Amino acid sequence: MRFRVYVELSWFQTLFSQKIVTENTTTISKVAAQKVFMDKVFSDFSIADAERVKEIERTTNHDVKAIEYFLKERFDGNADLAELKEYLHFSCTSEDINNLAYALMLHHSFKDVMLPALKDL
């Protein structure tokens, strides 16, 4: 779940940094200035956050849509991002998010769990 948050936020930032979304330069600057906020949403993702996502999922019956709604709630707490929250998940399918998130999970499990265990053998 945490890596889905990462992929969604990375895609959102890319939309603006690569000018895929052609908003004005002020908007692009706002998104860039909020990188620390978005990084904290990912790095501080907690059990309570995961429980909130699961609560949303009980209504949506869709895991990736629940992540999107969770992030929109977080963006509501940030004046610069609240007005741009509809660009979360813009032009994505669930598979776009999931395949990247699964690859990241495998990479990090190998790097952070399996490789250290193998080195200890």
PDB file of N, CA and C in Angstrom:
ATOM      1  N   MET A   1       0.818  -1.192   0.000  1.00  0.00           N
ATOM      2  CA  MET A   1       0.000   0.000   0.000  1.00  0.00           C
ATOM      3  C   MET A   1       0.865   1.260   0.000  1.00  0.00           C
ATOM      4  N   ARG A   2       1.906   1.236   0.803  1.00  0.00           N
ATOM      5  CA  ARG A   2       2.796   2.398   0.917  1.00  0.00           C
ATOM      6  C   ARG A   2       3.440   2.748  -0.414  1.00  0.00           C
ATOM      7  N   PHE A   3       3.825   1.733  -1.185  1.00  0.00           N
ATOM      8  CA  PHE A   3       4.463   2.012  -2.464  1.00  0.00           C
ATOM      9  C   PHE A   3       3.464   2.509  -3.508  1.00  0.00           C
ATOM     10  N   ARG A   4       2.192   2.160  -3.350  1.00  0.00           N
ATOM     11  CA  ARG A   4       1.171   2.749  -4.224  1.00  0.00           C
ATOM     12  C   ARG A   4       1.084   4.252  -3.970  1.00  0.00           C
ATOM     13  N   VAL A   5       1.181   4.649  -2.717  1.00  0.00           N
ATOM     14  CA  VAL A   5       1.193   6.075  -2.367  1.00  0.00           C
ATOM     15  C   VAL A   5       2.378   6.744  -3.060  1.00  0.00           C
ATOM     16  N   TYR A   6       3.536   6.110  -2.981  1.00  0.00           N
ATOM     17  CA  TYR A   6       4.745   6.656  -3.610  1.00  0.00           C
ATOM     18  C   TYR A   6       4.554   6.836  -5.115  1.00  0.00           C
ATOM     19  N   VAL A   7       4.015   5.825  -5.779  1.00  0.00           N
ATOM     20  CA  VAL A   7       3.830   5.893  -7.233  1.00  0.00           C
ATOM     21  C   VAL A   7       2.838   6.997  -7.593  1.00  0.00           C
ATOM     22  N   GLU A   8       1.742   7.075  -6.876  1.00  0.00           N
ATOM     23  CA  GLU A   8       0.743   8.122  -7.155  1.00  0.00           C
ATOM     24  C   GLU A   8       1.355   9.517  -6.996  1.00  0.00           C
ATOM     25  N   LEU A   9       2.097   9.716  -5.918  1.00  0.00           N
ATOM     26  CA  LEU A   9       2.703  11.030  -5.685  1.00  0.00           C
ATOM     27  C   LEU A   9       3.790  11.340  -6.712  1.00  0.00           C
ATOM     28  N   SER A  10       4.556  10.343  -7.081  1.00  0.00           N
ATOM     29  CA  SER A  10       5.598  10.551  -8.087  1.00  0.00           C
ATOM     30  C   SER A  10       4.975  10.924  -9.431  1.00  0.00           C
ATOM     31  N   TRP A  11       3.896  10.239  -9.795  1.00  0.00           N
ATOM     32  CA  TRP A  11       3.215  10.544 -11.049  1.00  0.00           C
ATOM     33  C   TRP A  11       2.658  11.964 -11.013  1.00  0.00           C
ATOM     34  N   PHE A  12       2.034  12.345  -9.906  1.00  0.00           N
ATOM     35  CA  PHE A  12       1.488  13.696  -9.757  1.00  0.00           C
ATOM     36  C   PHE A  12       2.584  14.741  -9.970  1.00  0.00           C
ATOM     37  N   GLN A  13       3.733  14.537  -9.325  1.00  0.00           N
ATOM     38  CA  GLN A  13       4.833  15.489  -9.460  1.00  0.00           C
ATOM     39  C   GLN A  13       5.359  15.529 -10.893  1.00  0.00           C
ATOM     40  N   THR A  14       5.426  14.383 -11.532  1.00  0.00           N
ATOM     41  CA  THR A  14       5.914  14.309 -12.909  1.00  0.00           C
ATOM     42  C   THR A  14       4.977  15.039 -13.869  1.00  0.00           C
ATOM     43  N   LEU A  15       3.688  14.952 -13.637  1.00  0.00           N
ATOM     44  CA  LEU A  15       2.729  15.656 -14.490  1.00  0.00           C
ATOM     45  C   LEU A  15       3.069  17.137 -14.612  1.00  0.00           C
ATOM     46  N   PHE A  16       3.512  17.713 -13.507  1.00  0.00           N
ATOM     47  CA  PHE A  16       3.808  19.139 -13.504  1.00  0.00           C
ATOM     48  C   PHE A  16       5.258  19.433 -13.881  1.00  0.00           C
ATOM     49  N   SER A  17       6.185  18.657 -13.368  1.00  0.00           N
ATOM     50  CA  SER A  17       7.595  18.942 -13.659  1.00  0.00           C
ATOM     51  C   SER A  17       7.928  18.748 -15.135  1.00  0.00           C
ATOM     52  N   GLN A  18       7.242  17.806 -15.778  1.00  0.00           N
ATOM     53  CA  GLN A  18       7.485  17.567 -17.207  1.00  0.00           C
ATOM     54  C   GLN A  18       6.461  18.299 -18.082  1.00  0.00           C
ATOM     55  N   LYS A  19       5.650  19.116 -17.449  1.00  0.00           N
ATOM     56  CA  LYS A  19       4.637  19.931 -18.134  1.00  0.00           C
ATOM     57  C   LYS A  19       3.671  19.097 -18.974  1.00  0.00           C
ATOM     58  N   ILE A  20       3.371  17.904 -18.472  1.00  0.00           N
ATOM     59  CA  ILE A  20       2.334  17.085 -19.090  1.00  0.00           C
ATOM     60  C   ILE A  20       0.993  17.778 -18.867  1.00  0.00           C
ATOM     61  N   VAL A  21       0.821  18.294 -17.660  1.00  0.00           N
ATOM     62  CA  VAL A  21      -0.303  19.170 -17.361  1.00  0.00           C
ATOM     63  C   VAL A  21       0.202  20.578 -17.591  1.00  0.00           C
ATOM     64  N   THR A  22      -0.418  21.255 -18.498  1.00  0.00           N
ATOM     65  CA  THR A  22       0.084  22.578 -18.899  1.00  0.00           C
ATOM     66  C   THR A  22      -0.620  23.683 -18.122  1.00  0.00           C
ATOM     67  N   GLU A  23      -0.433  23.655 -16.839  1.00  0.00           N
ATOM     68  CA  GLU A  23      -0.908  24.740 -15.991  1.00  0.00           C
ATOM     69  C   GLU A  23       0.088  25.896 -16.130  1.00  0.00           C
ATOM     70  N   ASN A  24      -0.227  27.010 -15.514  1.00  0.00           N
ATOM     71  CA  ASN A  24       0.691  28.143 -15.575  1.00  0.00           C
ATOM     72  C   ASN A  24       1.939  27.879 -14.731  1.00  0.00           C
ATOM     73  N   THR A  25       2.963  28.684 -14.917  1.00  0.00           N
ATOM     74  CA  THR A  25       4.240  28.458 -14.225  1.00  0.00           C
ATOM     75  C   THR A  25       4.100  28.613 -12.713  1.00  0.00           C
ATOM     76  N   THR A  26       3.149  29.418 -12.259  1.00  0.00           N
ATOM     77  CA  THR A  26       2.925  29.553 -10.820  1.00  0.00           C
ATOM     78  C   THR A  26       2.476  28.223 -10.234  1.00  0.00           C
ATOM     79  N   THR A  27       1.581  27.539 -10.924  1.00  0.00           N
ATOM     80  CA  THR A  27       1.101  26.242 -10.453  1.00  0.00           C
ATOM     81  C   THR A  27       2.228  25.227 -10.436  1.00  0.00           C
ATOM     82  N   ILE A  28       3.027  25.202 -11.476  1.00  0.00           N
ATOM     83  CA  ILE A  28       4.160  24.271 -11.543  1.00  0.00           C
ATOM     84  C   ILE A  28       5.117  24.544 -10.386  1.00  0.00           C
ATOM     85  N   SER A  29       5.345  25.804 -10.079  1.00  0.00           N
ATOM     86  CA  SER A  29       6.215  26.169  -8.952  1.00  0.00           C
ATOM     87  C   SER A  29       5.616  25.739  -7.620  1.00  0.00           C
ATOM     88  N   LYS A  30       4.290  25.869  -7.487  1.00  0.00           N
ATOM     89  CA  LYS A  30       3.627  25.446  -6.250  1.00  0.00           C
ATOM     90  C   LYS A  30       3.833  23.957  -6.012  1.00  0.00           C
ATOM     91  N   VAL A  31       3.666  23.168  -7.061  1.00  0.00           N
ATOM     92  CA  VAL A  31       3.838  21.718  -6.920  1.00  0.00           C
ATOM     93  C   VAL A  31       5.275  21.409  -6.526  1.00  0.00           C
ATOM     94  N   ALA A  32       6.230  22.035  -7.188  1.00  0.00           N
ATOM     95  CA  ALA A  32       7.646  21.807  -6.866  1.00  0.00           C
ATOM     96  C   ALA A  32       7.942  22.204  -5.416  1.00  0.00           C
ATOM     97  N   ALA A  33       7.344  23.297  -4.963  1.00  0.00           N
ATOM     98  CA  ALA A  33       7.582  23.772  -3.603  1.00  0.00           C
ATOM     99  C   ALA A  33       6.976  22.842  -2.551  1.00  0.00           C
ATOM    100  N   GLN A  34       6.029  22.029  -2.938  1.00  0.00           N
ATOM    101  CA  GLN A  34       5.362  21.129  -2.001  1.00  0.00           C
ATOM    102  C   GLN A  34       5.953  19.717  -2.002  1.00  0.00           C
ATOM    103  N   LYS A  35       7.100  19.547  -2.637  1.00  0.00           N
ATOM    104  CA  LYS A  35       7.739  18.226  -2.700  1.00  0.00           C
ATOM    105  C   LYS A  35       7.996  17.666  -1.302  1.00  0.00           C
ATOM    106  N   VAL A  36       8.464  18.489  -0.387  1.00  0.00           N
ATOM    107  CA  VAL A  36       8.747  18.032   0.980  1.00  0.00           C
ATOM    108  C   VAL A  36       7.458  17.531   1.639  1.00  0.00           C
ATOM    109  N   PHE A  37       6.355  18.262   1.454  1.00  0.00           N
ATOM    110  CA  PHE A  37       5.072  17.833   2.001  1.00  0.00           C
ATOM    111  C   PHE A  37       4.699  16.457   1.447  1.00  0.00           C
ATOM    112  N   MET A  38       4.811  16.291   0.135  1.00  0.00           N
ATOM    113  CA  MET A  38       4.437  15.021  -0.490  1.00  0.00           C
ATOM    114  C   MET A  38       5.379  13.896  -0.071  1.00  0.00           C
ATOM    115  N   ASP A  39       6.663  14.195   0.043  1.00  0.00           N
ATOM    116  CA  ASP A  39       7.616  13.185   0.499  1.00  0.00           C
ATOM    117  C   ASP A  39       7.273  12.706   1.914  1.00  0.00           C
ATOM    118  N   LYS A  40       6.805  13.635   2.764  1.00  0.00           N
ATOM    119  CA  LYS A  40       6.432  13.266   4.131  1.00  0.00           C
ATOM    120  C   LYS A  40       5.170  12.408   4.160  1.00  0.00           C
ATOM    121  N   VAL A  41       4.244  12.654   3.230  1.00  0.00           N
ATOM    122  CA  VAL A  41       3.042  11.815   3.169  1.00  0.00           C
ATOM    123  C   VAL A  41       3.474  10.364   2.957  1.00  0.00           C
ATOM    124  N   PHE A  42       4.483  10.167   2.103  1.00  0.00           N
ATOM    125  CA  PHE A  42       4.990   8.817   1.860  1.00  0.00           C
ATOM    126  C   PHE A  42       5.838   8.321   3.029  1.00  0.00           C
ATOM    127  N   SER A  43       6.824   9.093   3.433  1.00  0.00           N
ATOM    128  CA  SER A  43       7.765   8.616   4.457  1.00  0.00           C
ATOM    129  C   SER A  43       7.108   8.428   5.819  1.00  0.00           C
ATOM    130  N   ASP A  44       6.081   9.214   6.110  1.00  0.00           N
ATOM    131  CA  ASP A  44       5.392   9.112   7.402  1.00  0.00           C
ATOM    132  C   ASP A  44       4.149   8.233   7.340  1.00  0.00           C
ATOM    133  N   PHE A  45       3.959   7.525   6.231  1.00  0.00           N
ATOM    134  CA  PHE A  45       2.781   6.666   6.080  1.00  0.00           C
ATOM    135  C   PHE A  45       2.757   5.666   7.231  1.00  0.00           C
ATOM    136  N   SER A  46       1.653   5.657   7.960  1.00  0.00           N
ATOM    137  CA  SER A  46       1.584   4.901   9.213  1.00  0.00           C
ATOM    138  C   SER A  46       0.502   3.822   9.165  1.00  0.00           C
ATOM    139  N   ILE A  47       0.443   3.052  10.241  1.00  0.00           N
ATOM    140  CA  ILE A  47      -0.623   2.060  10.383  1.00  0.00           C
ATOM    141  C   ILE A  47      -1.977   2.765  10.362  1.00  0.00           C
ATOM    142  N   ALA A  48      -2.072   3.916  11.024  1.00  0.00           N
ATOM    143  CA  ALA A  48      -3.331   4.678  11.026  1.00  0.00           C
ATOM    144  C   ALA A  48      -3.704   5.108   9.603  1.00  0.00           C
ATOM    145  N   ASP A  49      -2.712   5.493   8.812  1.00  0.00           N
ATOM    146  CA  ASP A  49      -2.975   5.855   7.419  1.00  0.00           C
ATOM    147  C   ASP A  49      -3.476   4.643   6.636  1.00  0.00           C
ATOM    148  N   ALA A  50      -2.844   3.506   6.840  1.00  0.00           N
ATOM    149  CA  ALA A  50      -3.264   2.282   6.156  1.00  0.00           C
ATOM    150  C   ALA A  50      -4.684   1.906   6.565  1.00  0.00           C
ATOM    151  N   GLU A  51      -5.007   2.084   7.836  1.00  0.00           N
ATOM    152  CA  GLU A  51      -6.370   1.802   8.297  1.00  0.00           C
ATOM    153  C   GLU A  51      -7.367   2.758   7.657  1.00  0.00           C
ATOM    154  N   ARG A  52      -6.966   4.018   7.469  1.00  0.00           N
ATOM    155  CA  ARG A  52      -7.843   4.985   6.796  1.00  0.00           C
ATOM    156  C   ARG A  52      -8.076   4.570   5.342  1.00  0.00           C
ATOM    157  N   VAL A  53      -7.021   4.129   4.670  1.00  0.00           N
ATOM    158  CA  VAL A  53      -7.171   3.657   3.291  1.00  0.00           C
ATOM    159  C   VAL A  53      -8.134   2.478   3.246  1.00  0.00           C
ATOM    160  N   LYS A  54      -7.982   1.530   4.169  1.00  0.00           N
ATOM    161  CA  LYS A  54      -8.869   0.365   4.196  1.00  0.00           C
ATOM    162  C   LYS A  54     -10.319   0.779   4.495  1.00  0.00           C
ATOM    163  N   GLU A  55     -10.491   1.792   5.317  1.00  0.00           N
ATOM    164  CA  GLU A  55     -11.833   2.309   5.599  1.00  0.00           C
ATOM    165  C   GLU A  55     -12.463   2.882   4.317  1.00  0.00           C
ATOM    166  N   ILE A  56     -11.690   3.644   3.578  1.00  0.00           N
ATOM    167  CA  ILE A  56     -12.167   4.200   2.307  1.00  0.00           C
ATOM    168  C   ILE A  56     -12.464   3.066   1.331  1.00  0.00           C
ATOM    169  N   GLU A  57     -11.610   2.061   1.327  1.00  0.00           N
ATOM    170  CA  GLU A  57     -11.775   0.934   0.406  1.00  0.00           C
ATOM    171  C   GLU A  57     -13.075   0.171   0.659  1.00  0.00           C
ATOM    172  N   ARG A  58     -13.526   0.141   1.900  1.00  0.00           N
ATOM    173  CA  ARG A  58     -14.793  -0.533   2.199  1.00  0.00           C
ATOM    174  C   ARG A  58     -15.956   0.143   1.474  1.00  0.00           C
ATOM    175  N   THR A  59     -15.808   1.440   1.194  1.00  0.00           N
ATOM    176  CA  THR A  59     -16.841   2.177   0.457  1.00  0.00           C
ATOM    177  C   THR A  59     -16.640   2.052  -1.055  1.00  0.00           C
ATOM    178  N   THR A  60     -15.402   2.188  -1.505  1.00  0.00           N
ATOM    179  CA  THR A  60     -15.132   2.204  -2.945  1.00  0.00           C
ATOM    180  C   THR A  60     -15.054   0.803  -3.552  1.00  0.00           C
ATOM    181  N   ASN A  61     -14.721  -0.186  -2.720  1.00  0.00           N
ATOM    182  CA  ASN A  61     -14.455  -1.545  -3.213  1.00  0.00           C
ATOM    183  C   ASN A  61     -13.356  -1.552  -4.264  1.00  0.00           C
ATOM    184  N   HIS A  62     -12.400  -0.645  -4.102  1.00  0.00           N
ATOM    185  CA  HIS A  62     -11.312  -0.533  -5.073  1.00  0.00           C
ATOM    186  C   HIS A  62     -10.069  -0.024  -4.347  1.00  0.00           C
ATOM    187  N   ASP A  63      -9.030  -0.847  -4.298  1.00  0.00           N
ATOM    188  CA  ASP A  63      -7.844  -0.504  -3.512  1.00  0.00           C
ATOM    189  C   ASP A  63      -7.109   0.739  -4.014  1.00  0.00           C
ATOM    190  N   VAL A  64      -6.928   0.864  -5.313  1.00  0.00           N
ATOM    191  CA  VAL A  64      -6.172   2.006  -5.842  1.00  0.00           C
ATOM    192  C   VAL A  64      -7.003   3.285  -5.732  1.00  0.00           C
ATOM    193  N   LYS A  65      -8.302   3.193  -5.940  1.00  0.00           N
ATOM    194  CA  LYS A  65      -9.170   4.359  -5.781  1.00  0.00           C
ATOM    195  C   LYS A  65      -9.135   4.840  -4.330  1.00  0.00           C
ATOM    196  N   ALA A  66      -9.040   3.918  -3.396  1.00  0.00           N
ATOM    197  CA  ALA A  66      -8.959   4.286  -1.981  1.00  0.00           C
ATOM    198  C   ALA A  66      -7.678   5.069  -1.702  1.00  0.00           C
ATOM    199  N   ILE A  67      -6.577   4.676  -2.320  1.00  0.00           N
ATOM    200  CA  ILE A  67      -5.318   5.434  -2.172  1.00  0.00           C
ATOM    201  C   ILE A  67      -5.500   6.850  -2.726  1.00  0.00           C
ATOM    202  N   GLU A  68      -6.120   6.951  -3.889  1.00  0.00           N
ATOM    203  CA  GLU A  68      -6.363   8.261  -4.500  1.00  0.00           C
ATOM    204  C   GLU A  68      -7.176   9.154  -3.556  1.00  0.00           C
ATOM    205  N   TYR A  69      -8.256   8.622  -2.987  1.00  0.00           N
ATOM    206  CA  TYR A  69      -9.090   9.415  -2.085  1.00  0.00           C
ATOM    207  C   TYR A  69      -8.344   9.782  -0.805  1.00  0.00           C
ATOM    208  N   PHE A  70      -7.525   8.853  -0.312  1.00  0.00           N
ATOM    209  CA  PHE A  70      -6.697   9.139   0.864  1.00  0.00           C
ATOM    210  C   PHE A  70      -5.763  10.318   0.575  1.00  0.00           C
ATOM    211  N   LEU A  71      -5.122  10.301  -0.585  1.00  0.00           N
ATOM    212  CA  LEU A  71      -4.209  11.388  -0.936  1.00  0.00           C
ATOM    213  C   LEU A  71      -4.961  12.705  -1.128  1.00  0.00           C
ATOM    214  N   LYS A  72      -6.145  12.638  -1.683  1.00  0.00           N
ATOM    215  CA  LYS A  72      -6.943  13.861  -1.824  1.00  0.00           C
ATOM    216  C   LYS A  72      -7.261  14.454  -0.454  1.00  0.00           C
ATOM    217  N   GLU A  73      -7.529  13.605   0.527  1.00  0.00           N
ATOM    218  CA  GLU A  73      -7.748  14.096   1.887  1.00  0.00           C
ATOM    219  C   GLU A  73      -6.506  14.797   2.412  1.00  0.00           C
ATOM    220  N   ARG A  74      -5.347  14.204   2.166  1.00  0.00           N
ATOM    221  CA  ARG A  74      -4.091  14.829   2.610  1.00  0.00           C
ATOM    222  C   ARG A  74      -3.877  16.165   1.904  1.00  0.00           C
ATOM    223  N   PHE A  75      -4.168  16.202   0.618  1.00  0.00           N
ATOM    224  CA  PHE A  75      -3.999  17.435  -0.147  1.00  0.00           C
ATOM    225  C   PHE A  75      -4.952  18.524   0.343  1.00  0.00           C
ATOM    226  N   ASP A  76      -6.119  18.135   0.852  1.00  0.00           N
ATOM    227  CA  ASP A  76      -7.067  19.123   1.389  1.00  0.00           C
ATOM    228  C   ASP A  76      -6.449  19.919   2.531  1.00  0.00           C
ATOM    229  N   GLY A  77      -5.464  19.344   3.209  1.00  0.00           N
ATOM    230  CA  GLY A  77      -4.786  20.027   4.302  1.00  0.00           C
ATOM    231  C   GLY A  77      -3.648  20.925   3.852  1.00  0.00           C
ATOM    232  N   ASN A  78      -3.479  21.098   2.548  1.00  0.00           N
ATOM    233  CA  ASN A  78      -2.397  21.912   2.005  1.00  0.00           C
ATOM    234  C   ASN A  78      -2.987  22.836   0.943  1.00  0.00           C
ATOM    235  N   ALA A  79      -3.011  24.131   1.232  1.00  0.00           N
ATOM    236  CA  ALA A  79      -3.678  25.097   0.350  1.00  0.00           C
ATOM    237  C   ALA A  79      -3.154  25.048  -1.087  1.00  0.00           C
ATOM    238  N   ASP A  80      -1.853  24.875  -1.262  1.00  0.00           N
ATOM    239  CA  ASP A  80      -1.285  24.855  -2.610  1.00  0.00           C
ATOM    240  C   ASP A  80      -1.687  23.613  -3.391  1.00  0.00           C
ATOM    241  N   LEU A  81      -1.871  22.499  -2.698  1.00  0.00           N
ATOM    242  CA  LEU A  81      -2.177  21.249  -3.389  1.00  0.00           C
ATOM    243  C   LEU A  81      -3.674  20.957  -3.462  1.00  0.00           C
ATOM    244  N   ALA A  82      -4.458  21.528  -2.561  1.00  0.00           N
ATOM    245  CA  ALA A  82      -5.898  21.242  -2.539  1.00  0.00           C
ATOM    246  C   ALA A  82      -6.552  21.555  -3.874  1.00  0.00           C
ATOM    247  N   GLU A  83      -6.153  22.646  -4.474  1.00  0.00           N
ATOM    248  CA  GLU A  83      -6.767  23.048  -5.748  1.00  0.00           C
ATOM    249  C   GLU A  83      -6.326  22.161  -6.915  1.00  0.00           C
ATOM    250  N   LEU A  84      -5.308  21.345  -6.702  1.00  0.00           N
ATOM    251  CA  LEU A  84      -4.768  20.492  -7.767  1.00  0.00           C
ATOM    252  C   LEU A  84      -5.053  19.009  -7.541  1.00  0.00           C
ATOM    253  N   LYS A  85      -5.792  18.685  -6.502  1.00  0.00           N
ATOM    254  CA  LYS A  85      -5.975  17.283  -6.120  1.00  0.00           C
ATOM    255  C   LYS A  85      -6.655  16.446  -7.193  1.00  0.00           C
ATOM    256  N   GLU A  86      -7.404  17.059  -8.086  1.00  0.00           N
ATOM    257  CA  GLU A  86      -8.059  16.284  -9.138  1.00  0.00           C
ATOM    258  C   GLU A  86      -7.058  15.731 -10.158  1.00  0.00           C
ATOM    259  N   TYR A  87      -5.821  16.182 -10.097  1.00  0.00           N
ATOM    260  CA  TYR A  87      -4.787  15.622 -10.968  1.00  0.00           C
ATOM    261  C   TYR A  87      -4.160  14.346 -10.405  1.00  0.00           C
ATOM    262  N   LEU A  88      -4.515  13.993  -9.176  1.00  0.00           N
ATOM    263  CA  LEU A  88      -4.059  12.707  -8.637  1.00  0.00           C
ATOM    264  C   LEU A  88      -4.677  11.595  -9.475  1.00  0.00           C
ATOM    265  N   HIS A  89      -3.886  10.659  -9.873  1.00  0.00           N
ATOM    266  CA  HIS A  89      -4.298   9.503 -10.677  1.00  0.00           C
ATOM    267  C   HIS A  89      -4.726   9.900 -12.099  1.00  0.00           C
ATOM    268  N   PHE A  90      -4.391  11.109 -12.505  1.00  0.00           N
ATOM    269  CA  PHE A  90      -4.777  11.629 -13.817  1.00  0.00           C
ATOM    270  C   PHE A  90      -4.200  10.765 -14.933  1.00  0.00           C
ATOM    271  N   SER A  91      -5.049  10.267 -15.780  1.00  0.00           N
ATOM    272  CA  SER A  91      -4.728   9.453 -16.964  1.00  0.00           C
ATOM    273  C   SER A  91      -4.048   8.120 -16.622  1.00  0.00           C
ATOM    274  N   CYS A  92      -4.287   7.630 -15.424  1.00  0.00           N
ATOM    275  CA  CYS A  92      -3.710   6.347 -15.000  1.00  0.00           C
ATOM    276  C   CYS A  92      -4.799   5.283 -14.889  1.00  0.00           C
ATOM    277  N   THR A  93      -4.365   4.061 -15.051  1.00  0.00           N
ATOM    278  CA  THR A  93      -5.207   2.927 -14.690  1.00  0.00           C
ATOM    279  C   THR A  93      -4.652   2.355 -13.392  1.00  0.00           C
ATOM    280  N   SER A  94      -5.405   1.492 -12.783  1.00  0.00           N
ATOM    281  CA  SER A  94      -4.912   0.833 -11.571  1.00  0.00           C
ATOM    282  C   SER A  94      -3.657   0.031 -11.866  1.00  0.00           C
ATOM    283  N   GLU A  95      -3.616  -0.578 -13.030  1.00  0.00           N
ATOM    284  CA  GLU A  95      -2.445  -1.379 -13.396  1.00  0.00           C
ATOM    285  C   GLU A  95      -1.191  -0.518 -13.529  1.00  0.00           C
ATOM    286  N   ASP A  96      -1.351   0.719 -13.997  1.00  0.00           N
ATOM    287  CA  ASP A  96      -0.201   1.631 -14.064  1.00  0.00           C
ATOM    288  C   ASP A  96       0.419   1.818 -12.687  1.00  0.00           C
ATOM    289  N   ILE A  97      -0.418   1.924 -11.680  1.00  0.00           N
ATOM    290  CA  ILE A  97       0.054   2.119 -10.309  1.00  0.00           C
ATOM    291  C   ILE A  97       0.567   0.811  -9.728  1.00  0.00           C
ATOM    292  N   ASN A  98      -0.213  -0.247  -9.870  1.00  0.00           N
ATOM    293  CA  ASN A  98       0.133  -1.524  -9.234  1.00  0.00           C
ATOM    294  C   ASN A  98       1.421  -2.126  -9.754  1.00  0.00           C
ATOM    295  N   ASN A  99       1.638  -2.146 -11.070  1.00  0.00           N
ATOM    296  CA  ASN A  99       2.837  -2.826 -11.553  1.00  0.00           C
ATOM    297  C   ASN A  99       4.109  -2.124 -11.078  1.00  0.00           C
ATOM    298  N   LEU A 100       4.083  -0.805 -11.002  1.00  0.00           N
ATOM    299  CA  LEU A 100       5.250  -0.088 -10.482  1.00  0.00           C
ATOM    300  C   LEU A 100       5.406  -0.301  -8.975  1.00  0.00           C
ATOM    301  N   ALA A 101       4.287  -0.289  -8.250  1.00  0.00           N
ATOM    302  CA  ALA A 101       4.348  -0.500  -6.804  1.00  0.00           C
ATOM    303  C   ALA A 101       4.864  -1.899  -6.479  1.00  0.00           C
ATOM    304  N   TYR A 102       4.416  -2.913  -7.219  1.00  0.00           N
ATOM    305  CA  TYR A 102       4.886  -4.281  -6.980  1.00  0.00           C
ATOM    306  C   TYR A 102       6.380  -4.393  -7.263  1.00  0.00           C
ATOM    307  N   ALA A 103       6.835  -3.761  -8.331  1.00  0.00           N
ATOM    308  CA  ALA A 103       8.268  -3.785  -8.639  1.00  0.00           C
ATOM    309  C   ALA A 103       9.074  -3.128  -7.520  1.00  0.00           C
ATOM    310  N   LEU A 104       8.582  -2.019  -6.996  1.00  0.00           N
ATOM    311  CA  LEU A 104       9.266  -1.353  -5.881  1.00  0.00           C
ATOM    312  C   LEU A 104       9.274  -2.220  -4.629  1.00  0.00           C
ATOM    313  N   MET A 105       8.168  -2.912  -4.367  1.00  0.00           N
ATOM    314  CA  MET A 105       8.116  -3.806  -3.201  1.00  0.00           C
ATOM    315  C   MET A 105       9.149  -4.918  -3.328  1.00  0.00           C
ATOM    316  N   LEU A 106       9.241  -5.505  -4.510  1.00  0.00           N
ATOM    317  CA  LEU A 106      10.232  -6.566  -4.727  1.00  0.00           C
ATOM    318  C   LEU A 106      11.651  -6.038  -4.573  1.00  0.00           C
ATOM    319  N   HIS A 107      11.909  -4.885  -5.165  1.00  0.00           N
ATOM    320  CA  HIS A 107      13.246  -4.283  -5.070  1.00  0.00           C
ATOM    321  C   HIS A 107      13.637  -4.031  -3.615  1.00  0.00           C
ATOM    322  N   HIS A 108      12.735  -3.409  -2.873  1.00  0.00           N
ATOM    323  CA  HIS A 108      13.062  -3.080  -1.481  1.00  0.00           C
ATOM    324  C   HIS A 108      13.123  -4.320  -0.590  1.00  0.00           C
ATOM    325  N   SER A 109      12.291  -5.314  -0.854  1.00  0.00           N
ATOM    326  CA  SER A 109      12.380  -6.530  -0.034  1.00  0.00           C
ATOM    327  C   SER A 109      13.698  -7.254  -0.300  1.00  0.00           C
ATOM    328  N   PHE A 110      14.134  -7.254  -1.545  1.00  0.00           N
ATOM    329  CA  PHE A 110      15.427  -7.869  -1.847  1.00  0.00           C
ATOM    330  C   PHE A 110      16.557  -7.089  -1.195  1.00  0.00           C
ATOM    331  N   LYS A 111      16.560  -5.769  -1.385  1.00  0.00           N
ATOM    332  CA  LYS A 111      17.637  -4.915  -0.880  1.00  0.00           C
ATOM    333  C   LYS A 111      17.660  -4.844   0.647  1.00  0.00           C
ATOM    334  N   ASP A 112      16.494  -4.726   1.272  1.00  0.00           N
ATOM    335  CA  ASP A 112      16.433  -4.460   2.705  1.00  0.00           C
ATOM    336  C   ASP A 112      16.247  -5.698   3.572  1.00  0.00           C
ATOM    337  N   VAL A 113      15.771  -6.807   2.992  1.00  0.00           N
ATOM    338  CA  VAL A 113      15.502  -7.996   3.794  1.00  0.00           C
ATOM    339  C   VAL A 113      16.354  -9.184   3.310  1.00  0.00           C
ATOM    340  N   MET A 114      16.171  -9.542   2.061  1.00  0.00           N
ATOM    341  CA  MET A 114      16.817 -10.758   1.571  1.00  0.00           C
ATOM    342  C   MET A 114      18.345 -10.638   1.465  1.00  0.00           C
ATOM    343  N   LEU A 115      18.832  -9.566   0.884  1.00  0.00           N
ATOM    344  CA  LEU A 115      20.276  -9.391   0.718  1.00  0.00           C
ATOM    345  C   LEU A 115      20.998  -9.350   2.068  1.00  0.00           C
ATOM    346  N   PRO A 116      20.522  -8.566   3.045  1.00  0.00           N
ATOM    347  CA  PRO A 116      21.182  -8.598   4.352  1.00  0.00           C
ATOM    348  C   PRO A 116      21.157 -10.007   4.986  1.00  0.00           C
ATOM    349  N   ALA A 117      20.056 -10.734   4.821  1.00  0.00           N
ATOM    350  CA  ALA A 117      19.964 -12.094   5.370  1.00  0.00           C
ATOM    351  C   ALA A 117      20.973 -13.012   4.690  1.00  0.00           C
ATOM    352  N   LEU A 118      21.125 -12.879   3.392  1.00  0.00           N
ATOM    353  CA  LEU A 118      22.101 -13.702   2.652  1.00  0.00           C
ATOM    354  C   LEU A 118      23.531 -13.360   3.087  1.00  0.00           C
ATOM    355  N   LYS A 119      23.793 -12.095   3.332  1.00  0.00           N
ATOM    356  CA  LYS A 119      25.139 -11.679   3.772  1.00  0.00           C
ATOM    357  C   LYS A 119      25.460 -12.235   5.155  1.00  0.00           C
ATOM    358  N   ASP A 120      24.442 -12.450   5.956  1.00  0.00           N
ATOM    359  CA  ASP A 120      24.638 -12.997   7.296  1.00  0.00           C
ATOM    360  C   ASP A 120      24.919 -14.508   7.292  1.00  0.00           C
ATOM    361  N   LEU A 121      24.637 -15.174   6.192  1.00  0.00           N
ATOM    362  CA  LEU A 121      24.836 -16.635   6.140  1.00  0.00           C
ATOM    363  C   LEU A 121      26.290 -17.022   6.231  1.00  0.00           C
TER     364      LEU A 121
END
